[in-house]
Amino acid sequence: MDPVTAVYYATICAALSFAAGKLRSGMVRIILGVVIGAIAASLLPDIRGMLGV
């Protein structure tokens, strides 16, 4: 895994772990993780293009 991808997903995971602590329902956490993960994965090519890598 290249450094851009690793840093990008580490940032997304850190933000999710911070926000998930406020949610009580496990199902909501899973759904939120899936939705945000899908959005993050779809945005990564555009972000890489903006960075020129």
Protein backbone atom coordinates (compact mmCIF):
# COMPACT_ATOMS: atom_id res chain seq x y z
CA MET A 1 0.00 0.00 0.00
CA ASP A 2 1.42 3.38 -0.95
CA PRO A 3 1.81 6.15 1.65
CA VAL A 4 -1.01 8.34 0.27
CA THR A 5 -3.54 5.52 0.57
CA ALA A 6 -2.33 4.52 4.04
CA VAL A 7 -2.52 8.07 5.39
CA TYR A 8 -5.91 8.66 3.75
CA TYR A 9 -7.52 5.56 5.25
CA ALA A 10 -5.82 6.11 8.62
CA THR A 11 -7.38 9.58 8.73
CA ILE A 12 -10.83 8.23 7.81
CA CYS A 13 -10.56 5.48 10.44
CA ALA A 14 -9.44 7.93 13.12
CA ALA A 15 -12.39 10.20 12.40
CA LEU A 16 -14.78 7.26 12.48
CA SER A 17 -13.43 5.94 15.76
CA PHE A 18 -13.80 9.37 17.33
CA ALA A 19 -17.40 9.76 16.13
CA ALA A 20 -18.45 6.16 16.84
CA GLY A 21 -17.86 6.56 20.55
CA LYS A 22 -20.92 8.78 20.70
CA LEU A 23 -23.19 6.18 19.08
CA ARG A 24 -24.71 3.53 21.29
CA SER A 25 -26.17 1.19 18.69
CA GLY A 26 -23.80 -1.34 17.17
CA MET A 27 -25.91 -1.59 14.01
CA VAL A 28 -25.74 2.17 13.47
CA ARG A 29 -21.94 2.01 13.85
CA ILE A 30 -21.71 -0.75 11.24
CA ILE A 31 -23.97 1.05 8.77
CA LEU A 32 -22.10 4.32 9.30
CA GLY A 33 -18.78 2.55 8.74
CA VAL A 34 -19.98 0.93 5.53
CA VAL A 35 -21.42 4.16 4.12
CA ILE A 36 -18.40 6.29 5.00
CA GLY A 37 -16.01 3.58 3.80
CA ALA A 38 -17.77 3.42 0.43
CA ILE A 39 -17.71 7.20 0.08
CA ALA A 40 -14.04 7.34 1.09
CA ALA A 41 -13.12 4.62 -1.41
CA SER A 42 -14.97 6.39 -4.22
CA LEU A 43 -13.28 9.73 -3.45
CA LEU A 44 -9.72 8.40 -3.20
CA PRO A 45 -9.00 8.44 -6.97
CA ASP A 46 -10.07 12.09 -7.18
CA ILE A 47 -7.95 13.02 -4.17
CA ARG A 48 -4.95 11.22 -5.66
CA GLY A 49 -5.53 13.13 -8.91
CA MET A 50 -5.60 16.47 -7.08
CA LEU A 51 -2.33 15.56 -5.36
CA GLY A 52 -0.80 14.48 -8.66
CA VAL A 53 0.11 10.97 -7.53
